[in-house]
Amino acid sequence: MAEVDELRTTLDELLEGSKLALEGVGEEQISKLLEMIFKSRHIFVVGAGRSGLIVKSFAIKLARLGFDINVVGETVLAHPERGDLLIAVSDSGETAFTVKAASIAKRLGTSIVALTSRPESTLGKEADVVITLSGWKEPSLGEGRAEEMSDNALSPASTLFEVSAMIFLNSIAMCLQKVKGRKIGG
């Protein structure tokens, strides 16, 4: 059946693309992120649209691990300040809500980690640590066409960013669970 073959091809492309995107994340970036999470008094996460759904899922996991975490834009009593951490997720790094939250947090002395496919973006420039999730390239497309496709909501590039961000943040949560378990259990 052609649909099943298409689905299998799509799954293979997403898995391979995510693997490439995640292989590009350096150990130094991961170490800094983990260190910042453990040193932060409060953690804030922000994202809009599908990135917002991804950060909410991450926030729930961290809350279950005992971290003091807030989702920017939800009903939040705390506000970021020096000693806190904002994790901002945006494929383009130009999403107005996410960039504005990062800009305000930066003015308040909050450390910022950005997950984006475009480290040179406004969000990337605001961040103390940039975790770049990219790697999808369609060989038949020129540079301009690949950029154009990444702005399409269902394009392989934007879908790849979402899948990679979800895998990365879930991996961070699982790592934190293991590390916290060792710290709690001895």
C-alpha atoms as a PDB file:
ATOM      1  CA  MET A   1       0.000   0.000   0.000  1.00  0.00           C
ATOM      2  CA  ALA A   2       1.469   3.345  -1.107  1.00  0.00           C
ATOM      3  CA  GLU A   3       0.361   5.233   2.021  1.00  0.00           C
ATOM      4  CA  VAL A   4       2.128   2.786   4.320  1.00  0.00           C
ATOM      5  CA  ASP A   5       5.312   3.041   2.261  1.00  0.00           C
ATOM      6  CA  GLU A   6       5.080   6.834   2.413  1.00  0.00           C
ATOM      7  CA  LEU A   7       4.615   6.719   6.174  1.00  0.00           C
ATOM      8  CA  ARG A   8       7.625   4.434   6.640  1.00  0.00           C
ATOM      9  CA  THR A   9       9.741   6.707   4.447  1.00  0.00           C
ATOM     10  CA  THR A  10       8.631   9.741   6.459  1.00  0.00           C
ATOM     11  CA  LEU A  11       9.404   7.989   9.759  1.00  0.00           C
ATOM     12  CA  ASP A  12      12.867   7.057   8.510  1.00  0.00           C
ATOM     13  CA  GLU A  13      13.515  10.649   7.385  1.00  0.00           C
ATOM     14  CA  LEU A  14      12.406  12.090  10.731  1.00  0.00           C
ATOM     15  CA  LEU A  15      14.457   9.593  12.732  1.00  0.00           C
ATOM     16  CA  GLU A  16      17.563  10.166  10.622  1.00  0.00           C
ATOM     17  CA  GLY A  17      17.071  13.928  10.601  1.00  0.00           C
ATOM     18  CA  SER A  18      16.590  14.051  14.370  1.00  0.00           C
ATOM     19  CA  LYS A  19      19.691  11.959  14.877  1.00  0.00           C
ATOM     20  CA  LEU A  20      21.712  14.391  12.748  1.00  0.00           C
ATOM     21  CA  ALA A  21      20.228  17.429  14.504  1.00  0.00           C
ATOM     22  CA  LEU A  22      20.966  16.030  17.959  1.00  0.00           C
ATOM     23  CA  GLU A  23      24.470  14.849  17.081  1.00  0.00           C
ATOM     24  CA  GLY A  24      25.309  18.501  16.429  1.00  0.00           C
ATOM     25  CA  VAL A  25      24.652  19.467  20.052  1.00  0.00           C
ATOM     26  CA  GLY A  26      27.994  19.729  21.794  1.00  0.00           C
ATOM     27  CA  GLU A  27      28.890  18.223  25.158  1.00  0.00           C
ATOM     28  CA  GLU A  28      29.825  21.686  26.446  1.00  0.00           C
ATOM     29  CA  GLN A  29      26.332  23.005  25.671  1.00  0.00           C
ATOM     30  CA  ILE A  30      24.704  20.048  27.427  1.00  0.00           C
ATOM     31  CA  SER A  31      26.980  20.381  30.465  1.00  0.00           C
ATOM     32  CA  LYS A  32      26.259  24.110  30.730  1.00  0.00           C
ATOM     33  CA  LEU A  33      22.501  23.532  30.477  1.00  0.00           C
ATOM     34  CA  LEU A  34      22.539  20.854  33.185  1.00  0.00           C
ATOM     35  CA  GLU A  35      24.727  23.004  35.436  1.00  0.00           C
ATOM     36  CA  MET A  36      22.430  26.003  34.937  1.00  0.00           C
ATOM     37  CA  ILE A  37      19.355  23.921  35.757  1.00  0.00           C
ATOM     38  CA  PHE A  38      20.872  22.668  39.010  1.00  0.00           C
ATOM     39  CA  LYS A  39      22.193  26.103  40.044  1.00  0.00           C
ATOM     40  CA  SER A  40      19.010  28.027  39.251  1.00  0.00           C
ATOM     41  CA  ARG A  41      16.633  29.091  41.989  1.00  0.00           C
ATOM     42  CA  HIS A  42      13.684  29.122  39.594  1.00  0.00           C
ATOM     43  CA  ILE A  43      13.364  27.813  36.048  1.00  0.00           C
ATOM     44  CA  PHE A  44      11.143  29.433  33.455  1.00  0.00           C
ATOM     45  CA  VAL A  45      10.325  28.003  30.039  1.00  0.00           C
ATOM     46  CA  VAL A  46       8.876  29.793  27.047  1.00  0.00           C
ATOM     47  CA  GLY A  47       7.763  28.883  23.564  1.00  0.00           C
ATOM     48  CA  ALA A  48       4.864  29.751  21.294  1.00  0.00           C
ATOM     49  CA  GLY A  49       2.649  27.474  19.226  1.00  0.00           C
ATOM     50  CA  ARG A  50       4.048  23.964  18.956  1.00  0.00           C
ATOM     51  CA  SER A  51       7.229  25.014  20.773  1.00  0.00           C
ATOM     52  CA  GLY A  52       4.948  26.150  23.599  1.00  0.00           C
ATOM     53  CA  LEU A  53       3.440  22.680  23.822  1.00  0.00           C
ATOM     54  CA  ILE A  54       6.928  21.173  23.932  1.00  0.00           C
ATOM     55  CA  VAL A  55       8.077  23.436  26.799  1.00  0.00           C
ATOM     56  CA  LYS A  56       4.877  22.722  28.756  1.00  0.00           C
ATOM     57  CA  SER A  57       5.580  19.007  28.520  1.00  0.00           C
ATOM     58  CA  PHE A  58       9.160  19.625  29.703  1.00  0.00           C
ATOM     59  CA  ALA A  59       7.917  21.804  32.573  1.00  0.00           C
ATOM     60  CA  ILE A  60       5.592  19.048  33.807  1.00  0.00           C
ATOM     61  CA  LYS A  61       8.481  16.586  33.853  1.00  0.00           C
ATOM     62  CA  LEU A  62      10.747  18.967  35.776  1.00  0.00           C
ATOM     63  CA  ALA A  63       7.978  19.834  38.248  1.00  0.00           C
ATOM     64  CA  ARG A  64       7.569  16.113  38.970  1.00  0.00           C
ATOM     65  CA  LEU A  65      11.297  15.992  39.705  1.00  0.00           C
ATOM     66  CA  GLY A  66      10.895  18.757  42.274  1.00  0.00           C
ATOM     67  CA  PHE A  67      12.233  21.709  40.313  1.00  0.00           C
ATOM     68  CA  ASP A  68      10.625  25.118  40.802  1.00  0.00           C
ATOM     69  CA  ILE A  69       9.464  25.697  37.243  1.00  0.00           C
ATOM     70  CA  ASN A  70       7.078  28.114  35.557  1.00  0.00           C
ATOM     71  CA  VAL A  71       5.724  28.385  32.022  1.00  0.00           C
ATOM     72  CA  VAL A  72       5.862  31.984  30.779  1.00  0.00           C
ATOM     73  CA  GLY A  73       2.426  33.080  29.644  1.00  0.00           C
ATOM     74  CA  GLU A  74       0.564  30.809  32.023  1.00  0.00           C
ATOM     75  CA  THR A  75      -0.772  32.053  35.338  1.00  0.00           C
ATOM     76  CA  VAL A  76       2.544  32.549  37.106  1.00  0.00           C
ATOM     77  CA  LEU A  77       3.117  34.265  40.422  1.00  0.00           C
ATOM     78  CA  ALA A  78       6.902  34.317  40.182  1.00  0.00           C
ATOM     79  CA  HIS A  79       8.903  36.561  37.905  1.00  0.00           C
ATOM     80  CA  PRO A  80      12.417  35.859  36.650  1.00  0.00           C
ATOM     81  CA  GLU A  81      15.359  37.523  38.323  1.00  0.00           C
ATOM     82  CA  ARG A  82      19.091  37.136  38.811  1.00  0.00           C
ATOM     83  CA  GLY A  83      19.932  33.524  39.681  1.00  0.00           C
ATOM     84  CA  ASP A  84      17.036  32.152  37.646  1.00  0.00           C
ATOM     85  CA  LEU A  85      17.040  30.396  34.275  1.00  0.00           C
ATOM     86  CA  LEU A  86      14.871  30.871  31.195  1.00  0.00           C
ATOM     87  CA  ILE A  87      14.831  28.085  28.615  1.00  0.00           C
ATOM     88  CA  ALA A  88      13.425  29.532  25.376  1.00  0.00           C
ATOM     89  CA  VAL A  89      12.434  27.358  22.423  1.00  0.00           C
ATOM     90  CA  SER A  90      11.870  28.739  18.924  1.00  0.00           C
ATOM     91  CA  ASP A  91      12.687  27.128  15.591  1.00  0.00           C
ATOM     92  CA  SER A  92      13.273  30.468  13.851  1.00  0.00           C
ATOM     93  CA  GLY A  93      14.570  32.275  16.924  1.00  0.00           C
ATOM     94  CA  GLU A  94      12.405  35.208  15.857  1.00  0.00           C
ATOM     95  CA  THR A  95       9.031  34.367  17.444  1.00  0.00           C
ATOM     96  CA  ALA A  96       7.909  37.685  18.940  1.00  0.00           C
ATOM     97  CA  PHE A  97       6.514  36.334  22.238  1.00  0.00           C
ATOM     98  CA  THR A  98       9.561  34.149  22.914  1.00  0.00           C
ATOM     99  CA  VAL A  99      12.088  36.841  21.950  1.00  0.00           C
ATOM    100  CA  LYS A 100      10.283  39.451  24.103  1.00  0.00           C
ATOM    101  CA  ALA A 101      10.271  37.084  27.104  1.00  0.00           C
ATOM    102  CA  ALA A 102      13.994  36.445  26.646  1.00  0.00           C
ATOM    103  CA  SER A 103      14.727  40.161  26.309  1.00  0.00           C
ATOM    104  CA  ILE A 104      12.842  40.999  29.516  1.00  0.00           C
ATOM    105  CA  ALA A 105      14.444  38.106  31.394  1.00  0.00           C
ATOM    106  CA  LYS A 106      17.897  39.214  30.252  1.00  0.00           C
ATOM    107  CA  ARG A 107      17.268  42.767  31.536  1.00  0.00           C
ATOM    108  CA  LEU A 108      16.294  41.233  34.895  1.00  0.00           C
ATOM    109  CA  GLY A 109      19.584  39.312  35.097  1.00  0.00           C
ATOM    110  CA  THR A 110      18.166  35.895  34.287  1.00  0.00           C
ATOM    111  CA  SER A 111      20.372  33.367  32.479  1.00  0.00           C
ATOM    112  CA  ILE A 112      18.989  32.293  29.118  1.00  0.00           C
ATOM    113  CA  VAL A 113      19.322  29.055  27.176  1.00  0.00           C
ATOM    114  CA  ALA A 114      17.918  29.073  23.633  1.00  0.00           C
ATOM    115  CA  LEU A 115      16.936  26.005  21.642  1.00  0.00           C
ATOM    116  CA  THR A 116      16.705  27.091  18.010  1.00  0.00           C
ATOM    117  CA  SER A 117      17.655  26.051  14.511  1.00  0.00           C
ATOM    118  CA  ARG A 118      19.112  29.517  13.885  1.00  0.00           C
ATOM    119  CA  PRO A 119      21.831  30.499  16.364  1.00  0.00           C
ATOM    120  CA  GLU A 120      22.344  33.848  14.600  1.00  0.00           C
ATOM    121  CA  SER A 121      18.720  34.820  15.317  1.00  0.00           C
ATOM    122  CA  THR A 122      17.556  37.480  17.773  1.00  0.00           C
ATOM    123  CA  LEU A 123      16.880  34.778  20.374  1.00  0.00           C
ATOM    124  CA  GLY A 124      20.292  33.243  19.790  1.00  0.00           C
ATOM    125  CA  LYS A 125      21.934  36.629  20.366  1.00  0.00           C
ATOM    126  CA  GLU A 126      20.015  37.137  23.648  1.00  0.00           C
ATOM    127  CA  ALA A 127      21.028  33.734  25.026  1.00  0.00           C
ATOM    128  CA  ASP A 128      23.928  32.840  27.279  1.00  0.00           C
ATOM    129  CA  VAL A 129      23.909  29.328  25.832  1.00  0.00           C
ATOM    130  CA  VAL A 130      22.558  28.400  22.403  1.00  0.00           C
ATOM    131  CA  ILE A 131      21.636  24.833  21.625  1.00  0.00           C
ATOM    132  CA  THR A 132      21.311  24.537  17.873  1.00  0.00           C
ATOM    133  CA  LEU A 133      18.980  21.841  16.611  1.00  0.00           C
ATOM    134  CA  SER A 134      19.435  21.630  12.871  1.00  0.00           C
ATOM    135  CA  GLY A 135      20.665  19.197  10.333  1.00  0.00           C
ATOM    136  CA  TRP A 136      17.872  18.606   7.854  1.00  0.00           C
ATOM    137  CA  LYS A 137      18.908  19.372   4.322  1.00  0.00           C
ATOM    138  CA  GLU A 138      17.061  18.384   1.172  1.00  0.00           C
ATOM    139  CA  PRO A 139      19.764  17.783  -1.443  1.00  0.00           C
ATOM    140  CA  SER A 140      17.567  18.903  -4.333  1.00  0.00           C
ATOM    141  CA  LEU A 141      16.838  22.271  -2.718  1.00  0.00           C
ATOM    142  CA  GLY A 142      19.054  25.292  -2.879  1.00  0.00           C
ATOM    143  CA  GLU A 143      19.886  27.278   0.248  1.00  0.00           C
ATOM    144  CA  GLY A 144      17.042  29.769  -0.270  1.00  0.00           C
ATOM    145  CA  ARG A 145      14.484  27.016  -0.874  1.00  0.00           C
ATOM    146  CA  ALA A 146      15.498  25.168   2.314  1.00  0.00           C
ATOM    147  CA  GLU A 147      15.050  28.398   4.306  1.00  0.00           C
ATOM    148  CA  GLU A 148      11.665  28.983   2.698  1.00  0.00           C
ATOM    149  CA  MET A 149      10.529  25.446   3.524  1.00  0.00           C
ATOM    150  CA  SER A 150      11.558  25.788   7.162  1.00  0.00           C
ATOM    151  CA  ASP A 151       8.943  28.546   7.508  1.00  0.00           C
ATOM    152  CA  ASN A 152       6.187  26.205   6.275  1.00  0.00           C
ATOM    153  CA  ALA A 153       4.303  24.797   9.286  1.00  0.00           C
ATOM    154  CA  LEU A 154       4.333  21.230   7.965  1.00  0.00           C
ATOM    155  CA  SER A 155       7.663  21.290   6.180  1.00  0.00           C
ATOM    156  CA  PRO A 156      10.254  18.646   6.980  1.00  0.00           C
ATOM    157  CA  ALA A 157      12.507  21.315   8.532  1.00  0.00           C
ATOM    158  CA  SER A 158       9.954  22.672  11.032  1.00  0.00           C
ATOM    159  CA  THR A 159       8.697  19.199  11.892  1.00  0.00           C
ATOM    160  CA  LEU A 160      12.272  18.053  12.394  1.00  0.00           C
ATOM    161  CA  PHE A 161      12.923  20.907  14.816  1.00  0.00           C
ATOM    162  CA  GLU A 162       9.853  19.995  16.882  1.00  0.00           C
ATOM    163  CA  VAL A 163      10.732  16.307  17.021  1.00  0.00           C
ATOM    164  CA  SER A 164      14.367  17.064  17.869  1.00  0.00           C
ATOM    165  CA  ALA A 165      13.424  19.600  20.561  1.00  0.00           C
ATOM    166  CA  MET A 166      11.021  17.122  22.158  1.00  0.00           C
ATOM    167  CA  ILE A 167      13.633  14.339  22.116  1.00  0.00           C
ATOM    168  CA  PHE A 168      16.322  16.670  23.481  1.00  0.00           C
ATOM    169  CA  LEU A 169      14.216  18.062  26.330  1.00  0.00           C
ATOM    170  CA  ASN A 170      12.878  14.613  27.237  1.00  0.00           C
ATOM    171  CA  SER A 171      16.466  13.355  27.321  1.00  0.00           C
ATOM    172  CA  ILE A 172      17.433  16.233  29.615  1.00  0.00           C
ATOM    173  CA  ALA A 173      14.524  15.396  31.937  1.00  0.00           C
ATOM    174  CA  MET A 174      15.499  11.717  32.009  1.00  0.00           C
ATOM    175  CA  CYS A 175      19.121  12.649  32.721  1.00  0.00           C
ATOM    176  CA  LEU A 176      18.023  14.965  35.542  1.00  0.00           C
ATOM    177  CA  GLN A 177      15.913  12.178  37.000  1.00  0.00           C
ATOM    178  CA  LYS A 178      18.910   9.839  37.058  1.00  0.00           C
ATOM    179  CA  VAL A 179      21.276  12.466  38.476  1.00  0.00           C
ATOM    180  CA  LYS A 180      18.776  13.596  41.119  1.00  0.00           C
ATOM    181  CA  GLY A 181      18.172   9.972  42.068  1.00  0.00           C
ATOM    182  CA  ARG A 182      21.888   9.508  42.657  1.00  0.00           C
ATOM    183  CA  LYS A 183      22.061  12.722  44.697  1.00  0.00           C
ATOM    184  CA  ILE A 184      18.990  11.819  46.762  1.00  0.00           C
ATOM    185  CA  GLY A 185      19.847   8.163  47.142  1.00  0.00           C
ATOM    186  CA  GLY A 186      23.499   8.699  47.864  1.00  0.00           C
END
